[in-house]
Amino acid sequence: MAAMQKLSNLLVVGCLLVGSVVCSMAAAPTPAVEKAIAAAEKEWAAATMAGDRPALEKILGEDLSYSHSSAKHETKAQFIEAATGGALKYEAIEFKEPHTTQYGNTAIVTHDMTIRTAQTGSSNLYVTHVWAKQNGRWQLVSRQATKLP
């Protein structure tokens, strides 16, 4: 009976530890992080619309995975070339209803977005941006877009 009680106590403690680890992983960002991520999002949009290669080099992570709503996938180099070389001219990028969740040095931002390009016109999208704190700043490391109906 004592062994059973000991096992039961260990099980409860184990569940509490696992639960506390899982629950502490995802959190609302601190106000400072939320402000920094919002600024990084605006910086990305401005650099993309301006075709600003040096700014995009800093904003985008080296291992960027950038997926368009058309299912086209690009690396950092490919996205920068398209955005700065004239293949795709971004005219407007508007964020709506951002929601940010922080996981340590990673933040995930989901929001509706309207993008207008000279080549494809206006698109209403649902976008997920993944930002990682690396190289002393928040960098975009993944982007996935889905067209809204």
C-alpha atoms as a PDB file:
ATOM      1  CA  MET A   1       0.000   0.000   0.000  1.00  0.00           C
ATOM      2  CA  ALA A   2       2.834   2.430   0.797  1.00  0.00           C
ATOM      3  CA  ALA A   3       4.432   1.641  -2.569  1.00  0.00           C
ATOM      4  CA  MET A   4       1.137   2.393  -4.310  1.00  0.00           C
ATOM      5  CA  GLN A   5       0.831   5.731  -2.479  1.00  0.00           C
ATOM      6  CA  LYS A   6       4.432   6.604  -3.397  1.00  0.00           C
ATOM      7  CA  LEU A   7       3.771   5.770  -7.057  1.00  0.00           C
ATOM      8  CA  SER A   8       0.585   7.839  -7.000  1.00  0.00           C
ATOM      9  CA  ASN A   9       2.444  10.816  -5.493  1.00  0.00           C
ATOM     10  CA  LEU A  10       5.204  10.520  -8.122  1.00  0.00           C
ATOM     11  CA  LEU A  11       2.600  10.422 -10.876  1.00  0.00           C
ATOM     12  CA  VAL A  12       0.894  13.567  -9.556  1.00  0.00           C
ATOM     13  CA  VAL A  13       4.214  15.422  -9.235  1.00  0.00           C
ATOM     14  CA  GLY A  14       5.244  14.298 -12.731  1.00  0.00           C
ATOM     15  CA  CYS A  15       1.971  15.496 -14.227  1.00  0.00           C
ATOM     16  CA  LEU A  16       2.305  18.839 -12.468  1.00  0.00           C
ATOM     17  CA  LEU A  17       5.855  19.288 -13.756  1.00  0.00           C
ATOM     18  CA  VAL A  18       4.939  18.386 -17.324  1.00  0.00           C
ATOM     19  CA  GLY A  19       1.866  20.596 -17.162  1.00  0.00           C
ATOM     20  CA  SER A  20       3.812  23.566 -15.860  1.00  0.00           C
ATOM     21  CA  VAL A  21       6.448  23.196 -18.587  1.00  0.00           C
ATOM     22  CA  VAL A  22       3.842  22.927 -21.345  1.00  0.00           C
ATOM     23  CA  CYS A  23       1.809  25.832 -20.006  1.00  0.00           C
ATOM     24  CA  SER A  24       4.859  28.060 -19.601  1.00  0.00           C
ATOM     25  CA  MET A  25       6.010  27.535 -23.187  1.00  0.00           C
ATOM     26  CA  ALA A  26       3.365  29.632 -24.919  1.00  0.00           C
ATOM     27  CA  ALA A  27       2.551  33.025 -23.522  1.00  0.00           C
ATOM     28  CA  ALA A  28       1.297  36.411 -24.424  1.00  0.00           C
ATOM     29  CA  PRO A  29       4.357  38.507 -25.221  1.00  0.00           C
ATOM     30  CA  THR A  30       5.598  41.111 -22.795  1.00  0.00           C
ATOM     31  CA  PRO A  31       4.677  44.663 -23.811  1.00  0.00           C
ATOM     32  CA  ALA A  32       8.290  45.274 -24.878  1.00  0.00           C
ATOM     33  CA  VAL A  33       8.354  42.164 -27.082  1.00  0.00           C
ATOM     34  CA  GLU A  34       4.944  42.943 -28.573  1.00  0.00           C
ATOM     35  CA  LYS A  35       6.160  46.455 -29.409  1.00  0.00           C
ATOM     36  CA  ALA A  36       9.394  45.101 -30.932  1.00  0.00           C
ATOM     37  CA  ILE A  37       7.537  42.531 -33.048  1.00  0.00           C
ATOM     38  CA  ALA A  38       5.022  45.141 -34.257  1.00  0.00           C
ATOM     39  CA  ALA A  39       7.939  47.389 -35.217  1.00  0.00           C
ATOM     40  CA  ALA A  40       9.660  44.497 -37.020  1.00  0.00           C
ATOM     41  CA  GLU A  41       6.457  43.758 -38.960  1.00  0.00           C
ATOM     42  CA  LYS A  42       6.230  47.408 -40.060  1.00  0.00           C
ATOM     43  CA  GLU A  43       9.930  47.452 -40.912  1.00  0.00           C
ATOM     44  CA  TRP A  44       9.495  44.304 -43.058  1.00  0.00           C
ATOM     45  CA  ALA A  45       6.494  45.823 -44.871  1.00  0.00           C
ATOM     46  CA  ALA A  46       8.284  49.133 -45.533  1.00  0.00           C
ATOM     47  CA  ALA A  47      11.463  47.426 -46.766  1.00  0.00           C
ATOM     48  CA  THR A  48       9.463  45.056 -48.978  1.00  0.00           C
ATOM     49  CA  MET A  49       7.454  47.876 -50.565  1.00  0.00           C
ATOM     50  CA  ALA A  50      10.586  49.994 -51.063  1.00  0.00           C
ATOM     51  CA  GLY A  51      12.603  47.088 -52.464  1.00  0.00           C
ATOM     52  CA  ASP A  52      15.252  47.929 -49.855  1.00  0.00           C
ATOM     53  CA  ARG A  53      17.823  45.126 -50.157  1.00  0.00           C
ATOM     54  CA  PRO A  54      20.064  46.160 -47.199  1.00  0.00           C
ATOM     55  CA  ALA A  55      17.049  46.418 -44.867  1.00  0.00           C
ATOM     56  CA  LEU A  56      15.650  43.053 -46.014  1.00  0.00           C
ATOM     57  CA  GLU A  57      19.074  41.438 -45.491  1.00  0.00           C
ATOM     58  CA  LYS A  58      18.892  42.510 -41.820  1.00  0.00           C
ATOM     59  CA  ILE A  59      15.198  41.776 -41.239  1.00  0.00           C
ATOM     60  CA  LEU A  60      15.097  38.289 -42.769  1.00  0.00           C
ATOM     61  CA  GLY A  61      16.719  35.277 -41.105  1.00  0.00           C
ATOM     62  CA  GLU A  62      19.327  33.322 -43.064  1.00  0.00           C
ATOM     63  CA  ASP A  63      17.158  30.187 -43.142  1.00  0.00           C
ATOM     64  CA  LEU A  64      13.963  31.997 -44.154  1.00  0.00           C
ATOM     65  CA  SER A  65      11.133  29.845 -45.497  1.00  0.00           C
ATOM     66  CA  TYR A  66       8.788  32.219 -47.388  1.00  0.00           C
ATOM     67  CA  SER A  67       5.581  30.737 -48.801  1.00  0.00           C
ATOM     68  CA  HIS A  68       3.186  32.775 -50.915  1.00  0.00           C
ATOM     69  CA  SER A  69      -0.565  32.171 -51.093  1.00  0.00           C
ATOM     70  CA  SER A  70       0.029  30.751 -54.590  1.00  0.00           C
ATOM     71  CA  ALA A  71       2.085  27.954 -52.953  1.00  0.00           C
ATOM     72  CA  LYS A  72       5.287  29.388 -54.403  1.00  0.00           C
ATOM     73  CA  HIS A  73       8.114  28.886 -51.921  1.00  0.00           C
ATOM     74  CA  GLU A  74      11.210  31.086 -51.659  1.00  0.00           C
ATOM     75  CA  THR A  75      14.439  31.222 -49.690  1.00  0.00           C
ATOM     76  CA  LYS A  76      15.798  34.473 -48.286  1.00  0.00           C
ATOM     77  CA  ALA A  77      17.894  35.102 -51.397  1.00  0.00           C
ATOM     78  CA  GLN A  78      14.981  34.341 -53.736  1.00  0.00           C
ATOM     79  CA  PHE A  79      12.538  36.596 -51.872  1.00  0.00           C
ATOM     80  CA  ILE A  80      15.017  39.479 -51.734  1.00  0.00           C
ATOM     81  CA  GLU A  81      15.769  39.123 -55.432  1.00  0.00           C
ATOM     82  CA  ALA A  82      12.044  39.120 -56.320  1.00  0.00           C
ATOM     83  CA  ALA A  83      11.265  42.085 -54.036  1.00  0.00           C
ATOM     84  CA  THR A  84      14.237  44.199 -55.106  1.00  0.00           C
ATOM     85  CA  GLY A  85      14.820  43.079 -58.687  1.00  0.00           C
ATOM     86  CA  GLY A  86      11.442  44.145 -60.058  1.00  0.00           C
ATOM     87  CA  ALA A  87       9.913  40.679 -60.525  1.00  0.00           C
ATOM     88  CA  LEU A  88       7.295  41.591 -57.933  1.00  0.00           C
ATOM     89  CA  LYS A  89       6.581  45.221 -57.022  1.00  0.00           C
ATOM     90  CA  TYR A  90       4.738  45.506 -53.701  1.00  0.00           C
ATOM     91  CA  GLU A  91       2.571  48.628 -53.664  1.00  0.00           C
ATOM     92  CA  ALA A  92       0.719  48.170 -50.357  1.00  0.00           C
ATOM     93  CA  ILE A  93       0.885  45.867 -47.330  1.00  0.00           C
ATOM     94  CA  GLU A  94      -1.774  46.333 -44.669  1.00  0.00           C
ATOM     95  CA  PHE A  95      -1.999  44.296 -41.434  1.00  0.00           C
ATOM     96  CA  LYS A  96      -5.332  43.677 -39.702  1.00  0.00           C
ATOM     97  CA  GLU A  97      -6.012  42.175 -36.281  1.00  0.00           C
ATOM     98  CA  PRO A  98      -2.541  40.850 -35.386  1.00  0.00           C
ATOM     99  CA  HIS A  99      -2.298  38.189 -32.701  1.00  0.00           C
ATOM    100  CA  THR A 100       1.140  37.470 -31.207  1.00  0.00           C
ATOM    101  CA  THR A 101       2.184  34.484 -29.109  1.00  0.00           C
ATOM    102  CA  GLN A 102       5.672  34.207 -27.664  1.00  0.00           C
ATOM    103  CA  TYR A 103       7.658  31.010 -27.154  1.00  0.00           C
ATOM    104  CA  GLY A 104      10.894  32.168 -25.526  1.00  0.00           C
ATOM    105  CA  ASN A 105      13.019  33.695 -28.303  1.00  0.00           C
ATOM    106  CA  THR A 106      10.358  32.929 -30.918  1.00  0.00           C
ATOM    107  CA  ALA A 107       7.161  34.837 -31.640  1.00  0.00           C
ATOM    108  CA  ILE A 108       4.339  33.801 -33.943  1.00  0.00           C
ATOM    109  CA  VAL A 109       2.150  36.503 -35.429  1.00  0.00           C
ATOM    110  CA  THR A 110      -1.076  35.663 -37.224  1.00  0.00           C
ATOM    111  CA  HIS A 111      -3.235  38.244 -38.939  1.00  0.00           C
ATOM    112  CA  ASP A 112      -5.317  39.133 -41.920  1.00  0.00           C
ATOM    113  CA  MET A 113      -3.322  41.059 -44.477  1.00  0.00           C
ATOM    114  CA  THR A 114      -4.083  42.887 -47.687  1.00  0.00           C
ATOM    115  CA  ILE A 115      -1.249  42.964 -50.199  1.00  0.00           C
ATOM    116  CA  ARG A 116      -1.291  44.811 -53.494  1.00  0.00           C
ATOM    117  CA  THR A 117       1.349  44.252 -56.149  1.00  0.00           C
ATOM    118  CA  ALA A 118       1.733  45.784 -59.595  1.00  0.00           C
ATOM    119  CA  GLN A 119       1.738  42.305 -61.128  1.00  0.00           C
ATOM    120  CA  THR A 120      -1.130  40.538 -59.320  1.00  0.00           C
ATOM    121  CA  GLY A 121      -3.326  43.298 -57.919  1.00  0.00           C
ATOM    122  CA  SER A 122      -4.885  43.114 -54.462  1.00  0.00           C
ATOM    123  CA  SER A 123      -5.048  39.927 -52.360  1.00  0.00           C
ATOM    124  CA  ASN A 124      -6.721  39.363 -49.008  1.00  0.00           C
ATOM    125  CA  LEU A 125      -4.677  36.870 -47.036  1.00  0.00           C
ATOM    126  CA  TYR A 126      -4.376  35.100 -43.705  1.00  0.00           C
ATOM    127  CA  VAL A 127      -0.677  35.178 -42.837  1.00  0.00           C
ATOM    128  CA  THR A 128       1.511  33.514 -40.237  1.00  0.00           C
ATOM    129  CA  HIS A 129       4.875  35.137 -39.554  1.00  0.00           C
ATOM    130  CA  VAL A 130       7.427  33.433 -37.326  1.00  0.00           C
ATOM    131  CA  TRP A 131      10.002  35.760 -35.781  1.00  0.00           C
ATOM    132  CA  ALA A 132      13.131  34.541 -33.971  1.00  0.00           C
ATOM    133  CA  LYS A 133      15.380  36.611 -31.735  1.00  0.00           C
ATOM    134  CA  GLN A 134      18.781  36.064 -33.330  1.00  0.00           C
ATOM    135  CA  ASN A 135      21.785  38.164 -34.250  1.00  0.00           C
ATOM    136  CA  GLY A 136      20.666  40.695 -31.621  1.00  0.00           C
ATOM    137  CA  ARG A 137      17.301  41.426 -33.240  1.00  0.00           C
ATOM    138  CA  TRP A 138      13.957  39.903 -34.225  1.00  0.00           C
ATOM    139  CA  GLN A 139      14.222  38.327 -37.678  1.00  0.00           C
ATOM    140  CA  LEU A 140      11.516  36.835 -39.870  1.00  0.00           C
ATOM    141  CA  VAL A 141      12.338  33.138 -40.276  1.00  0.00           C
ATOM    142  CA  SER A 142       9.094  31.783 -41.726  1.00  0.00           C
ATOM    143  CA  ARG A 143       6.061  33.111 -43.546  1.00  0.00           C
ATOM    144  CA  GLN A 144       2.981  31.246 -44.761  1.00  0.00           C
ATOM    145  CA  ALA A 145       0.061  32.905 -46.552  1.00  0.00           C
ATOM    146  CA  THR A 146      -3.382  31.599 -47.444  1.00  0.00           C
ATOM    147  CA  LYS A 147      -5.876  33.430 -49.643  1.00  0.00           C
ATOM    148  CA  LEU A 148      -9.080  34.443 -47.909  1.00  0.00           C
ATOM    149  CA  PRO A 149     -12.363  33.891 -49.728  1.00  0.00           C
END
